[in-house]
């Protein structure tokens, strides 16, 4: 009798964990509107705030004619990017990575730094599962790192072997460029700027699971990770920016706001300490998640410009 009851309880618990895995996959990983983002207080930024990157960037994007570029991922997904050449570039190009649930053309304020202040070409891709790129899941930067190798290869092929590239990402985009940094990069990639990126997908989702639902990482993140492996081809545990920056040799500028409650500020030091190559960090006082530029625009532009000029001729 007791064995039947115990077995029934085990089956119910196992079923609940499996259900939770599919539920959290649908919430976090599946391509779908992310309604929970608008309900997260520290992510509520009211565009148009005067001078804010959102309004400024959208206006700048609308005033320029970008050329559409399409590539195909390793898995056959059609990826879309937007390219703006500069007469002053001389082979210098910035590839700019957007954040979770965003799109390439959200990154106008950052593209403007490179195009207007530094005279670069700019390429702003839509990540897989975002914007006009195909894909029914979000990779949090892990499969996207291979997509970025393709974007890099495209730029080098178009600009020639004398090309010089900078990768700049914000939030999930920062994780994307950090994860890319750990791959075998061509010598044309000269520097990386990572603004408010997370250490790993597992750590970030575990943090958000507790923050939003007061649930522990085990077994829920592990169950969702298994579902993600089945549906999207990767485990959360392997998607680690921390491990990738340990292998990186390209110079990295780490940026984070000390008031960031979405990607914890404490992750900055972990990433910075793990990086064994040339590195710098910029802490923007009072900046929330993805708001370093808005909080201190002059410091942000100055430090980014100084950093990339040091490594790009």
C-alpha atoms as a PDB file:
ATOM      1  CA  UNK A   1       0.000   0.000   0.000  1.00  0.00           C
ATOM      2  CA  UNK A   2       2.694   2.453   1.060  1.00  0.00           C
ATOM      3  CA  UNK A   3       4.791   1.567  -1.974  1.00  0.00           C
ATOM      4  CA  UNK A   4       1.882   2.473  -4.248  1.00  0.00           C
ATOM      5  CA  UNK A   5       1.429   5.812  -2.477  1.00  0.00           C
ATOM      6  CA  UNK A   6       5.140   6.580  -2.682  1.00  0.00           C
ATOM      7  CA  UNK A   7       5.207   5.648  -6.364  1.00  0.00           C
ATOM      8  CA  UNK A   8       2.204   7.867  -7.034  1.00  0.00           C
ATOM      9  CA  UNK A   9       3.858  10.780  -5.228  1.00  0.00           C
ATOM     10  CA  UNK A  10       7.079  10.277  -7.209  1.00  0.00           C
ATOM     11  CA  UNK A  11       5.144  10.203 -10.476  1.00  0.00           C
ATOM     12  CA  UNK A  12       3.245  13.377  -9.549  1.00  0.00           C
ATOM     13  CA  UNK A  13       6.450  15.199  -8.582  1.00  0.00           C
ATOM     14  CA  UNK A  14       8.237  14.034 -11.725  1.00  0.00           C
ATOM     15  CA  UNK A  15       5.285  15.134 -13.832  1.00  0.00           C
ATOM     16  CA  UNK A  16       5.249  18.538 -12.147  1.00  0.00           C
ATOM     17  CA  UNK A  17       8.975  19.017 -12.766  1.00  0.00           C
ATOM     18  CA  UNK A  18       8.626  18.021 -16.409  1.00  0.00           C
ATOM     19  CA  UNK A  19       5.663  20.373 -16.804  1.00  0.00           C
ATOM     20  CA  UNK A  20       7.695  23.151 -15.170  1.00  0.00           C
ATOM     21  CA  UNK A  21      10.526  22.533 -17.634  1.00  0.00           C
ATOM     22  CA  UNK A  22       8.231  23.029 -20.615  1.00  0.00           C
ATOM     23  CA  UNK A  23       6.551  25.998 -18.921  1.00  0.00           C
ATOM     24  CA  UNK A  24       9.825  27.838 -18.257  1.00  0.00           C
ATOM     25  CA  UNK A  25      11.088  26.970 -21.734  1.00  0.00           C
ATOM     26  CA  UNK A  26       7.980  28.676 -23.101  1.00  0.00           C
ATOM     27  CA  UNK A  27       8.498  31.689 -20.857  1.00  0.00           C
ATOM     28  CA  UNK A  28      12.237  32.233 -21.376  1.00  0.00           C
ATOM     29  CA  UNK A  29      13.493  30.425 -24.483  1.00  0.00           C
ATOM     30  CA  UNK A  30      10.680  29.994 -26.988  1.00  0.00           C
ATOM     31  CA  UNK A  31      10.249  32.786 -29.509  1.00  0.00           C
ATOM     32  CA  UNK A  32       7.176  34.630 -28.264  1.00  0.00           C
ATOM     33  CA  UNK A  33       6.243  38.039 -26.842  1.00  0.00           C
ATOM     34  CA  UNK A  34       7.960  38.410 -23.461  1.00  0.00           C
ATOM     35  CA  UNK A  35       5.161  39.982 -21.460  1.00  0.00           C
ATOM     36  CA  UNK A  36       6.965  39.433 -18.169  1.00  0.00           C
ATOM     37  CA  UNK A  37       9.549  42.017 -19.246  1.00  0.00           C
ATOM     38  CA  UNK A  38       7.019  44.844 -19.075  1.00  0.00           C
ATOM     39  CA  UNK A  39       6.030  43.704 -15.602  1.00  0.00           C
ATOM     40  CA  UNK A  40       9.587  43.839 -14.268  1.00  0.00           C
ATOM     41  CA  UNK A  41       9.997  47.205 -12.478  1.00  0.00           C
ATOM     42  CA  UNK A  42      13.720  47.681 -13.101  1.00  0.00           C
ATOM     43  CA  UNK A  43      13.285  47.072 -16.838  1.00  0.00           C
ATOM     44  CA  UNK A  44      10.637  49.748 -17.254  1.00  0.00           C
ATOM     45  CA  UNK A  45      12.307  52.502 -19.234  1.00  0.00           C
ATOM     46  CA  UNK A  46       9.885  55.035 -20.583  1.00  0.00           C
ATOM     47  CA  UNK A  47      10.706  55.930 -24.159  1.00  0.00           C
ATOM     48  CA  UNK A  48      10.771  58.642 -25.168  1.00  0.00           C
ATOM     49  CA  UNK A  49      12.766  60.079 -22.267  1.00  0.00           C
ATOM     50  CA  UNK A  50      14.568  63.210 -23.476  1.00  0.00           C
ATOM     51  CA  UNK A  51      17.992  62.225 -24.720  1.00  0.00           C
ATOM     52  CA  UNK A  52      17.502  58.533 -23.896  1.00  0.00           C
ATOM     53  CA  UNK A  53      19.221  56.001 -26.111  1.00  0.00           C
ATOM     54  CA  UNK A  54      15.914  54.511 -27.257  1.00  0.00           C
ATOM     55  CA  UNK A  55      14.444  57.656 -28.800  1.00  0.00           C
ATOM     56  CA  UNK A  56      17.800  58.996 -29.916  1.00  0.00           C
ATOM     57  CA  UNK A  57      18.753  55.694 -31.508  1.00  0.00           C
ATOM     58  CA  UNK A  58      15.429  55.158 -33.272  1.00  0.00           C
ATOM     59  CA  UNK A  59      15.595  58.645 -34.753  1.00  0.00           C
ATOM     60  CA  UNK A  60      19.167  58.087 -35.908  1.00  0.00           C
ATOM     61  CA  UNK A  61      18.323  54.732 -37.507  1.00  0.00           C
ATOM     62  CA  UNK A  62      15.367  56.265 -39.346  1.00  0.00           C
ATOM     63  CA  UNK A  63      17.589  58.988 -40.790  1.00  0.00           C
ATOM     64  CA  UNK A  64      19.990  56.549 -42.478  1.00  0.00           C
ATOM     65  CA  UNK A  65      19.612  54.009 -45.273  1.00  0.00           C
ATOM     66  CA  UNK A  66      20.866  50.603 -44.187  1.00  0.00           C
ATOM     67  CA  UNK A  67      21.522  47.807 -46.639  1.00  0.00           C
ATOM     68  CA  UNK A  68      19.902  44.484 -45.792  1.00  0.00           C
ATOM     69  CA  UNK A  69      22.263  41.521 -45.562  1.00  0.00           C
ATOM     70  CA  UNK A  70      21.235  37.886 -45.253  1.00  0.00           C
ATOM     71  CA  UNK A  71      23.327  34.959 -44.075  1.00  0.00           C
ATOM     72  CA  UNK A  72      22.527  31.338 -43.340  1.00  0.00           C
ATOM     73  CA  UNK A  73      23.403  29.802 -39.975  1.00  0.00           C
ATOM     74  CA  UNK A  74      25.058  26.425 -39.503  1.00  0.00           C
ATOM     75  CA  UNK A  75      21.571  24.935 -39.018  1.00  0.00           C
ATOM     76  CA  UNK A  76      20.139  26.609 -42.113  1.00  0.00           C
ATOM     77  CA  UNK A  77      18.376  29.535 -40.444  1.00  0.00           C
ATOM     78  CA  UNK A  78      18.110  32.719 -42.498  1.00  0.00           C
ATOM     79  CA  UNK A  79      19.649  35.587 -40.543  1.00  0.00           C
ATOM     80  CA  UNK A  80      19.116  39.268 -41.271  1.00  0.00           C
ATOM     81  CA  UNK A  81      21.522  42.122 -40.629  1.00  0.00           C
ATOM     82  CA  UNK A  82      21.592  45.819 -41.482  1.00  0.00           C
ATOM     83  CA  UNK A  83      24.749  47.429 -42.821  1.00  0.00           C
ATOM     84  CA  UNK A  84      25.686  51.092 -43.073  1.00  0.00           C
ATOM     85  CA  UNK A  85      29.004  51.900 -44.808  1.00  0.00           C
ATOM     86  CA  UNK A  86      31.060  54.977 -43.962  1.00  0.00           C
ATOM     87  CA  UNK A  87      33.304  56.877 -46.350  1.00  0.00           C
ATOM     88  CA  UNK A  88      35.760  57.290 -43.459  1.00  0.00           C
ATOM     89  CA  UNK A  89      35.888  53.640 -42.430  1.00  0.00           C
ATOM     90  CA  UNK A  90      38.997  52.400 -44.276  1.00  0.00           C
ATOM     91  CA  UNK A  91      37.964  48.825 -43.439  1.00  0.00           C
ATOM     92  CA  UNK A  92      36.928  49.483 -39.831  1.00  0.00           C
ATOM     93  CA  UNK A  93      33.555  47.966 -38.885  1.00  0.00           C
ATOM     94  CA  UNK A  94      31.581  47.626 -35.654  1.00  0.00           C
ATOM     95  CA  UNK A  95      29.195  44.679 -35.308  1.00  0.00           C
ATOM     96  CA  UNK A  96      26.641  45.527 -32.627  1.00  0.00           C
ATOM     97  CA  UNK A  97      24.603  42.898 -30.750  1.00  0.00           C
ATOM     98  CA  UNK A  98      21.191  43.678 -29.262  1.00  0.00           C
ATOM     99  CA  UNK A  99      19.578  42.355 -26.099  1.00  0.00           C
ATOM    100  CA  UNK A 100      16.962  39.788 -25.159  1.00  0.00           C
ATOM    101  CA  UNK A 101      13.650  40.191 -27.047  1.00  0.00           C
ATOM    102  CA  UNK A 102      15.093  43.133 -29.003  1.00  0.00           C
ATOM    103  CA  UNK A 103      16.264  43.600 -32.585  1.00  0.00           C
ATOM    104  CA  UNK A 104      19.224  45.060 -34.430  1.00  0.00           C
ATOM    105  CA  UNK A 105      17.652  48.426 -35.130  1.00  0.00           C
ATOM    106  CA  UNK A 106      17.172  48.997 -31.394  1.00  0.00           C
ATOM    107  CA  UNK A 107      20.917  49.665 -31.246  1.00  0.00           C
ATOM    108  CA  UNK A 108      20.958  53.014 -33.020  1.00  0.00           C
ATOM    109  CA  UNK A 109      22.547  54.983 -30.174  1.00  0.00           C
ATOM    110  CA  UNK A 110      25.499  52.568 -30.081  1.00  0.00           C
ATOM    111  CA  UNK A 111      25.790  52.427 -33.879  1.00  0.00           C
ATOM    112  CA  UNK A 112      25.892  56.216 -33.871  1.00  0.00           C
ATOM    113  CA  UNK A 113      29.009  56.210 -31.649  1.00  0.00           C
ATOM    114  CA  UNK A 114      30.927  54.117 -34.147  1.00  0.00           C
ATOM    115  CA  UNK A 115      29.564  55.725 -37.301  1.00  0.00           C
ATOM    116  CA  UNK A 116      29.705  59.386 -36.307  1.00  0.00           C
ATOM    117  CA  UNK A 117      32.348  59.604 -33.576  1.00  0.00           C
ATOM    118  CA  UNK A 118      34.753  56.996 -34.907  1.00  0.00           C
ATOM    119  CA  UNK A 119      33.968  56.825 -38.633  1.00  0.00           C
ATOM    120  CA  UNK A 120      33.240  53.084 -38.766  1.00  0.00           C
ATOM    121  CA  UNK A 121      30.970  51.011 -40.936  1.00  0.00           C
ATOM    122  CA  UNK A 122      28.264  49.499 -38.736  1.00  0.00           C
ATOM    123  CA  UNK A 123      26.491  46.150 -38.945  1.00  0.00           C
ATOM    124  CA  UNK A 124      23.520  45.487 -36.638  1.00  0.00           C
ATOM    125  CA  UNK A 125      22.232  41.909 -36.961  1.00  0.00           C
ATOM    126  CA  UNK A 126      18.932  40.540 -35.717  1.00  0.00           C
ATOM    127  CA  UNK A 127      19.805  37.564 -33.524  1.00  0.00           C
ATOM    128  CA  UNK A 128      18.211  34.234 -34.339  1.00  0.00           C
ATOM    129  CA  UNK A 129      14.674  34.164 -32.966  1.00  0.00           C
ATOM    130  CA  UNK A 130      14.485  37.970 -33.065  1.00  0.00           C
ATOM    131  CA  UNK A 131      13.452  40.636 -35.543  1.00  0.00           C
ATOM    132  CA  UNK A 132      13.562  39.474 -39.160  1.00  0.00           C
ATOM    133  CA  UNK A 133      15.910  36.563 -38.490  1.00  0.00           C
ATOM    134  CA  UNK A 134      14.434  33.076 -38.474  1.00  0.00           C
ATOM    135  CA  UNK A 135      14.382  30.690 -35.555  1.00  0.00           C
ATOM    136  CA  UNK A 136      11.769  29.699 -32.981  1.00  0.00           C
ATOM    137  CA  UNK A 137      13.994  29.899 -29.901  1.00  0.00           C
ATOM    138  CA  UNK A 138      16.392  32.277 -28.145  1.00  0.00           C
ATOM    139  CA  UNK A 139      19.977  31.124 -27.734  1.00  0.00           C
ATOM    140  CA  UNK A 140      21.071  33.627 -25.043  1.00  0.00           C
ATOM    141  CA  UNK A 141      24.300  34.111 -26.982  1.00  0.00           C
ATOM    142  CA  UNK A 142      25.456  30.499 -27.210  1.00  0.00           C
ATOM    143  CA  UNK A 143      24.366  29.388 -30.700  1.00  0.00           C
ATOM    144  CA  UNK A 144      24.599  33.056 -31.691  1.00  0.00           C
ATOM    145  CA  UNK A 145      28.372  32.968 -31.152  1.00  0.00           C
ATOM    146  CA  UNK A 146      28.620  30.780 -34.259  1.00  0.00           C
ATOM    147  CA  UNK A 147      26.323  33.144 -36.119  1.00  0.00           C
ATOM    148  CA  UNK A 148      28.708  35.962 -35.209  1.00  0.00           C
ATOM    149  CA  UNK A 149      31.624  34.036 -36.671  1.00  0.00           C
ATOM    150  CA  UNK A 150      29.650  34.074 -39.911  1.00  0.00           C
ATOM    151  CA  UNK A 151      28.942  37.813 -39.644  1.00  0.00           C
ATOM    152  CA  UNK A 152      32.646  38.402 -38.993  1.00  0.00           C
ATOM    153  CA  UNK A 153      33.556  36.270 -41.989  1.00  0.00           C
ATOM    154  CA  UNK A 154      31.129  38.198 -44.181  1.00  0.00           C
ATOM    155  CA  UNK A 155      32.618  41.558 -43.166  1.00  0.00           C
ATOM    156  CA  UNK A 156      36.179  40.357 -43.723  1.00  0.00           C
ATOM    157  CA  UNK A 157      35.244  38.956 -47.132  1.00  0.00           C
ATOM    158  CA  UNK A 158      33.612  42.242 -48.113  1.00  0.00           C
ATOM    159  CA  UNK A 159      36.231  44.605 -46.651  1.00  0.00           C
ATOM    160  CA  UNK A 160      39.325  42.539 -47.385  1.00  0.00           C
ATOM    161  CA  UNK A 161      42.113  41.123 -45.186  1.00  0.00           C
ATOM    162  CA  UNK A 162      43.034  44.600 -43.925  1.00  0.00           C
ATOM    163  CA  UNK A 163      39.644  44.912 -42.224  1.00  0.00           C
ATOM    164  CA  UNK A 164      39.500  45.760 -38.524  1.00  0.00           C
ATOM    165  CA  UNK A 165      36.455  44.775 -36.476  1.00  0.00           C
ATOM    166  CA  UNK A 166      35.021  45.673 -33.087  1.00  0.00           C
ATOM    167  CA  UNK A 167      32.189  43.681 -31.480  1.00  0.00           C
ATOM    168  CA  UNK A 168      29.903  45.609 -29.125  1.00  0.00           C
ATOM    169  CA  UNK A 169      26.977  44.048 -27.268  1.00  0.00           C
ATOM    170  CA  UNK A 170      24.481  45.029 -24.586  1.00  0.00           C
ATOM    171  CA  UNK A 171      22.840  42.565 -22.147  1.00  0.00           C
ATOM    172  CA  UNK A 172      22.254  39.319 -24.095  1.00  0.00           C
ATOM    173  CA  UNK A 173      24.274  40.989 -26.831  1.00  0.00           C
ATOM    174  CA  UNK A 174      27.156  41.374 -24.376  1.00  0.00           C
ATOM    175  CA  UNK A 175      26.922  37.678 -23.548  1.00  0.00           C
ATOM    176  CA  UNK A 176      26.907  36.955 -27.278  1.00  0.00           C
ATOM    177  CA  UNK A 177      30.114  38.874 -27.979  1.00  0.00           C
ATOM    178  CA  UNK A 178      31.823  37.430 -24.876  1.00  0.00           C
ATOM    179  CA  UNK A 179      30.881  33.914 -25.934  1.00  0.00           C
ATOM    180  CA  UNK A 180      32.185  34.715 -29.416  1.00  0.00           C
ATOM    181  CA  UNK A 181      35.448  35.931 -27.852  1.00  0.00           C
ATOM    182  CA  UNK A 182      36.273  32.406 -26.706  1.00  0.00           C
ATOM    183  CA  UNK A 183      36.198  31.010 -30.239  1.00  0.00           C
ATOM    184  CA  UNK A 184      39.034  31.012 -32.756  1.00  0.00           C
ATOM    185  CA  UNK A 185      38.714  34.524 -34.116  1.00  0.00           C
ATOM    186  CA  UNK A 186      40.396  35.881 -37.218  1.00  0.00           C
ATOM    187  CA  UNK A 187      43.078  38.517 -36.581  1.00  0.00           C
ATOM    188  CA  UNK A 188      40.796  41.208 -37.979  1.00  0.00           C
ATOM    189  CA  UNK A 189      38.772  41.197 -34.727  1.00  0.00           C
ATOM    190  CA  UNK A 190      40.606  43.793 -32.661  1.00  0.00           C
ATOM    191  CA  UNK A 191      38.427  44.557 -29.626  1.00  0.00           C
ATOM    192  CA  UNK A 192      35.188  43.702 -27.822  1.00  0.00           C
ATOM    193  CA  UNK A 193      32.886  45.860 -25.703  1.00  0.00           C
ATOM    194  CA  UNK A 194      30.548  43.934 -23.380  1.00  0.00           C
ATOM    195  CA  UNK A 195      27.910  46.068 -21.647  1.00  0.00           C
ATOM    196  CA  UNK A 196      26.018  44.439 -18.720  1.00  0.00           C
ATOM    197  CA  UNK A 197      26.420  40.817 -19.805  1.00  0.00           C
ATOM    198  CA  UNK A 198      25.764  37.760 -17.617  1.00  0.00           C
ATOM    199  CA  UNK A 199      28.264  35.112 -16.562  1.00  0.00           C
ATOM    200  CA  UNK A 200      26.249  32.176 -17.880  1.00  0.00           C
ATOM    201  CA  UNK A 201      22.746  31.300 -18.985  1.00  0.00           C
ATOM    202  CA  UNK A 202      22.333  28.928 -16.049  1.00  0.00           C
ATOM    203  CA  UNK A 203      23.368  31.567 -13.512  1.00  0.00           C
ATOM    204  CA  UNK A 204      21.163  34.248 -15.065  1.00  0.00           C
ATOM    205  CA  UNK A 205      18.066  32.071 -15.311  1.00  0.00           C
ATOM    206  CA  UNK A 206      18.593  30.725 -11.801  1.00  0.00           C
ATOM    207  CA  UNK A 207      18.782  34.296 -10.514  1.00  0.00           C
ATOM    208  CA  UNK A 208      15.618  35.298 -12.377  1.00  0.00           C
ATOM    209  CA  UNK A 209      13.746  32.163 -11.301  1.00  0.00           C
ATOM    210  CA  UNK A 210      14.298  33.026  -7.654  1.00  0.00           C
ATOM    211  CA  UNK A 211      13.689  36.720  -8.196  1.00  0.00           C
ATOM    212  CA  UNK A 212      10.419  36.317 -10.087  1.00  0.00           C
ATOM    213  CA  UNK A 213       8.964  33.087  -8.665  1.00  0.00           C
ATOM    214  CA  UNK A 214      10.931  32.455  -5.446  1.00  0.00           C
ATOM    215  CA  UNK A 215      11.851  29.010  -6.786  1.00  0.00           C
ATOM    216  CA  UNK A 216      15.234  27.308  -6.411  1.00  0.00           C
ATOM    217  CA  UNK A 217      17.404  26.489  -9.377  1.00  0.00           C
ATOM    218  CA  UNK A 218      17.127  22.730  -8.831  1.00  0.00           C
ATOM    219  CA  UNK A 219      15.204  21.011 -10.332  1.00  0.00           C
ATOM    220  CA  UNK A 220      13.440  23.669 -12.405  1.00  0.00           C
ATOM    221  CA  UNK A 221      16.342  25.205 -14.330  1.00  0.00           C
ATOM    222  CA  UNK A 222      17.721  21.717 -14.946  1.00  0.00           C
ATOM    223  CA  UNK A 223      14.370  20.537 -16.310  1.00  0.00           C
ATOM    224  CA  UNK A 224      14.066  23.590 -18.567  1.00  0.00           C
ATOM    225  CA  UNK A 225      17.648  23.033 -19.687  1.00  0.00           C
ATOM    226  CA  UNK A 226      16.805  19.487 -20.772  1.00  0.00           C
ATOM    227  CA  UNK A 227      13.782  20.735 -22.717  1.00  0.00           C
ATOM    228  CA  UNK A 228      15.995  23.398 -24.313  1.00  0.00           C
ATOM    229  CA  UNK A 229      18.503  20.726 -25.340  1.00  0.00           C
ATOM    230  CA  UNK A 230      15.721  18.756 -27.015  1.00  0.00           C
ATOM    231  CA  UNK A 231      14.114  21.751 -28.725  1.00  0.00           C
ATOM    232  CA  UNK A 232      16.987  24.185 -29.291  1.00  0.00           C
ATOM    233  CA  UNK A 233      20.112  22.017 -29.220  1.00  0.00           C
ATOM    234  CA  UNK A 234      21.970  23.345 -26.172  1.00  0.00           C
ATOM    235  CA  UNK A 235      22.110  22.935 -22.391  1.00  0.00           C
ATOM    236  CA  UNK A 236      22.113  26.009 -20.170  1.00  0.00           C
ATOM    237  CA  UNK A 237      25.245  24.767 -18.436  1.00  0.00           C
ATOM    238  CA  UNK A 238      27.381  24.869 -21.568  1.00  0.00           C
ATOM    239  CA  UNK A 239      26.345  28.422 -22.433  1.00  0.00           C
ATOM    240  CA  UNK A 240      28.933  30.204 -20.316  1.00  0.00           C
ATOM    241  CA  UNK A 241      30.417  33.612 -21.038  1.00  0.00           C
ATOM    242  CA  UNK A 242      32.645  33.060 -17.999  1.00  0.00           C
ATOM    243  CA  UNK A 243      34.319  30.033 -19.589  1.00  0.00           C
ATOM    244  CA  UNK A 244      34.607  31.774 -22.938  1.00  0.00           C
ATOM    245  CA  UNK A 245      36.326  34.921 -21.644  1.00  0.00           C
ATOM    246  CA  UNK A 246      38.898  32.693 -19.920  1.00  0.00           C
ATOM    247  CA  UNK A 247      39.933  31.583 -23.417  1.00  0.00           C
ATOM    248  CA  UNK A 248      39.682  35.018 -25.001  1.00  0.00           C
ATOM    249  CA  UNK A 249      42.773  36.822 -26.227  1.00  0.00           C
ATOM    250  CA  UNK A 250      41.092  39.788 -27.873  1.00  0.00           C
ATOM    251  CA  UNK A 251      40.952  42.907 -25.629  1.00  0.00           C
ATOM    252  CA  UNK A 252      37.625  43.320 -23.790  1.00  0.00           C
ATOM    253  CA  UNK A 253      36.059  46.393 -22.192  1.00  0.00           C
ATOM    254  CA  UNK A 254      33.530  45.291 -19.546  1.00  0.00           C
ATOM    255  CA  UNK A 255      30.788  47.818 -18.706  1.00  0.00           C
ATOM    256  CA  UNK A 256      28.138  47.537 -15.994  1.00  0.00           C
ATOM    257  CA  UNK A 257      25.855  49.808 -13.986  1.00  0.00           C
ATOM    258  CA  UNK A 258      26.152  49.365 -10.228  1.00  0.00           C
ATOM    259  CA  UNK A 259      22.351  49.676  -9.860  1.00  0.00           C
ATOM    260  CA  UNK A 260      21.622  46.786 -12.266  1.00  0.00           C
ATOM    261  CA  UNK A 261      19.107  44.405 -10.681  1.00  0.00           C
ATOM    262  CA  UNK A 262      18.315  42.376 -13.809  1.00  0.00           C
ATOM    263  CA  UNK A 263      21.817  41.131 -14.574  1.00  0.00           C
ATOM    264  CA  UNK A 264      23.459  41.396 -11.138  1.00  0.00           C
ATOM    265  CA  UNK A 265      26.296  43.896 -10.879  1.00  0.00           C
ATOM    266  CA  UNK A 266      28.339  41.223  -9.049  1.00  0.00           C
ATOM    267  CA  UNK A 267      28.673  39.338 -12.331  1.00  0.00           C
ATOM    268  CA  UNK A 268      30.963  42.083 -13.648  1.00  0.00           C
ATOM    269  CA  UNK A 269      33.868  41.244 -11.343  1.00  0.00           C
ATOM    270  CA  UNK A 270      33.523  37.509 -12.009  1.00  0.00           C
ATOM    271  CA  UNK A 271      33.815  38.098 -15.737  1.00  0.00           C
ATOM    272  CA  UNK A 272      36.611  40.637 -15.378  1.00  0.00           C
ATOM    273  CA  UNK A 273      38.675  38.344 -13.144  1.00  0.00           C
ATOM    274  CA  UNK A 274      38.142  35.375 -15.465  1.00  0.00           C
ATOM    275  CA  UNK A 275      39.422  37.270 -18.501  1.00  0.00           C
ATOM    276  CA  UNK A 276      43.138  36.570 -19.061  1.00  0.00           C
ATOM    277  CA  UNK A 277      43.650  38.837 -22.036  1.00  0.00           C
ATOM    278  CA  UNK A 278      43.924  42.644 -22.196  1.00  0.00           C
ATOM    279  CA  UNK A 279      40.949  44.124 -20.373  1.00  0.00           C
ATOM    280  CA  UNK A 280      39.397  47.218 -18.859  1.00  0.00           C
ATOM    281  CA  UNK A 281      36.197  47.857 -16.958  1.00  0.00           C
ATOM    282  CA  UNK A 282      33.823  50.776 -16.629  1.00  0.00           C
ATOM    283  CA  UNK A 283      31.382  50.945 -13.717  1.00  0.00           C
ATOM    284  CA  UNK A 284      28.661  53.531 -14.269  1.00  0.00           C
ATOM    285  CA  UNK A 285      27.356  54.793 -10.959  1.00  0.00           C
ATOM    286  CA  UNK A 286      23.587  54.620 -10.541  1.00  0.00           C
ATOM    287  CA  UNK A 287      22.934  52.915 -13.884  1.00  0.00           C
ATOM    288  CA  UNK A 288      20.281  50.232 -14.104  1.00  0.00           C
ATOM    289  CA  UNK A 289      20.227  47.408 -16.600  1.00  0.00           C
ATOM    290  CA  UNK A 290      21.236  48.525 -20.083  1.00  0.00           C
ATOM    291  CA  UNK A 291      21.251  52.167 -18.955  1.00  0.00           C
ATOM    292  CA  UNK A 292      24.972  52.879 -18.701  1.00  0.00           C
ATOM    293  CA  UNK A 293      24.866  54.969 -21.874  1.00  0.00           C
ATOM    294  CA  UNK A 294      21.792  56.917 -20.782  1.00  0.00           C
ATOM    295  CA  UNK A 295      23.128  57.524 -17.277  1.00  0.00           C
ATOM    296  CA  UNK A 296      26.472  59.000 -18.295  1.00  0.00           C
ATOM    297  CA  UNK A 297      26.612  59.466 -22.045  1.00  0.00           C
ATOM    298  CA  UNK A 298      29.838  61.487 -22.116  1.00  0.00           C
ATOM    299  CA  UNK A 299      31.751  58.949 -20.016  1.00  0.00           C
ATOM    300  CA  UNK A 300      30.355  56.022 -22.012  1.00  0.00           C
ATOM    301  CA  UNK A 301      31.266  57.478 -25.400  1.00  0.00           C
ATOM    302  CA  UNK A 302      34.669  58.633 -24.159  1.00  0.00           C
ATOM    303  CA  UNK A 303      35.699  55.315 -22.633  1.00  0.00           C
ATOM    304  CA  UNK A 304      34.445  53.225 -25.557  1.00  0.00           C
ATOM    305  CA  UNK A 305      36.171  55.527 -28.051  1.00  0.00           C
ATOM    306  CA  UNK A 306      39.459  55.536 -26.141  1.00  0.00           C
ATOM    307  CA  UNK A 307      39.382  51.767 -25.761  1.00  0.00           C
ATOM    308  CA  UNK A 308      38.796  50.882 -29.394  1.00  0.00           C
ATOM    309  CA  UNK A 309      41.265  53.529 -30.625  1.00  0.00           C
ATOM    310  CA  UNK A 310      43.915  51.803 -28.555  1.00  0.00           C
ATOM    311  CA  UNK A 311      43.511  48.580 -30.538  1.00  0.00           C
ATOM    312  CA  UNK A 312      42.155  49.688 -33.923  1.00  0.00           C
ATOM    313  CA  UNK A 313      44.615  51.561 -36.123  1.00  0.00           C
END
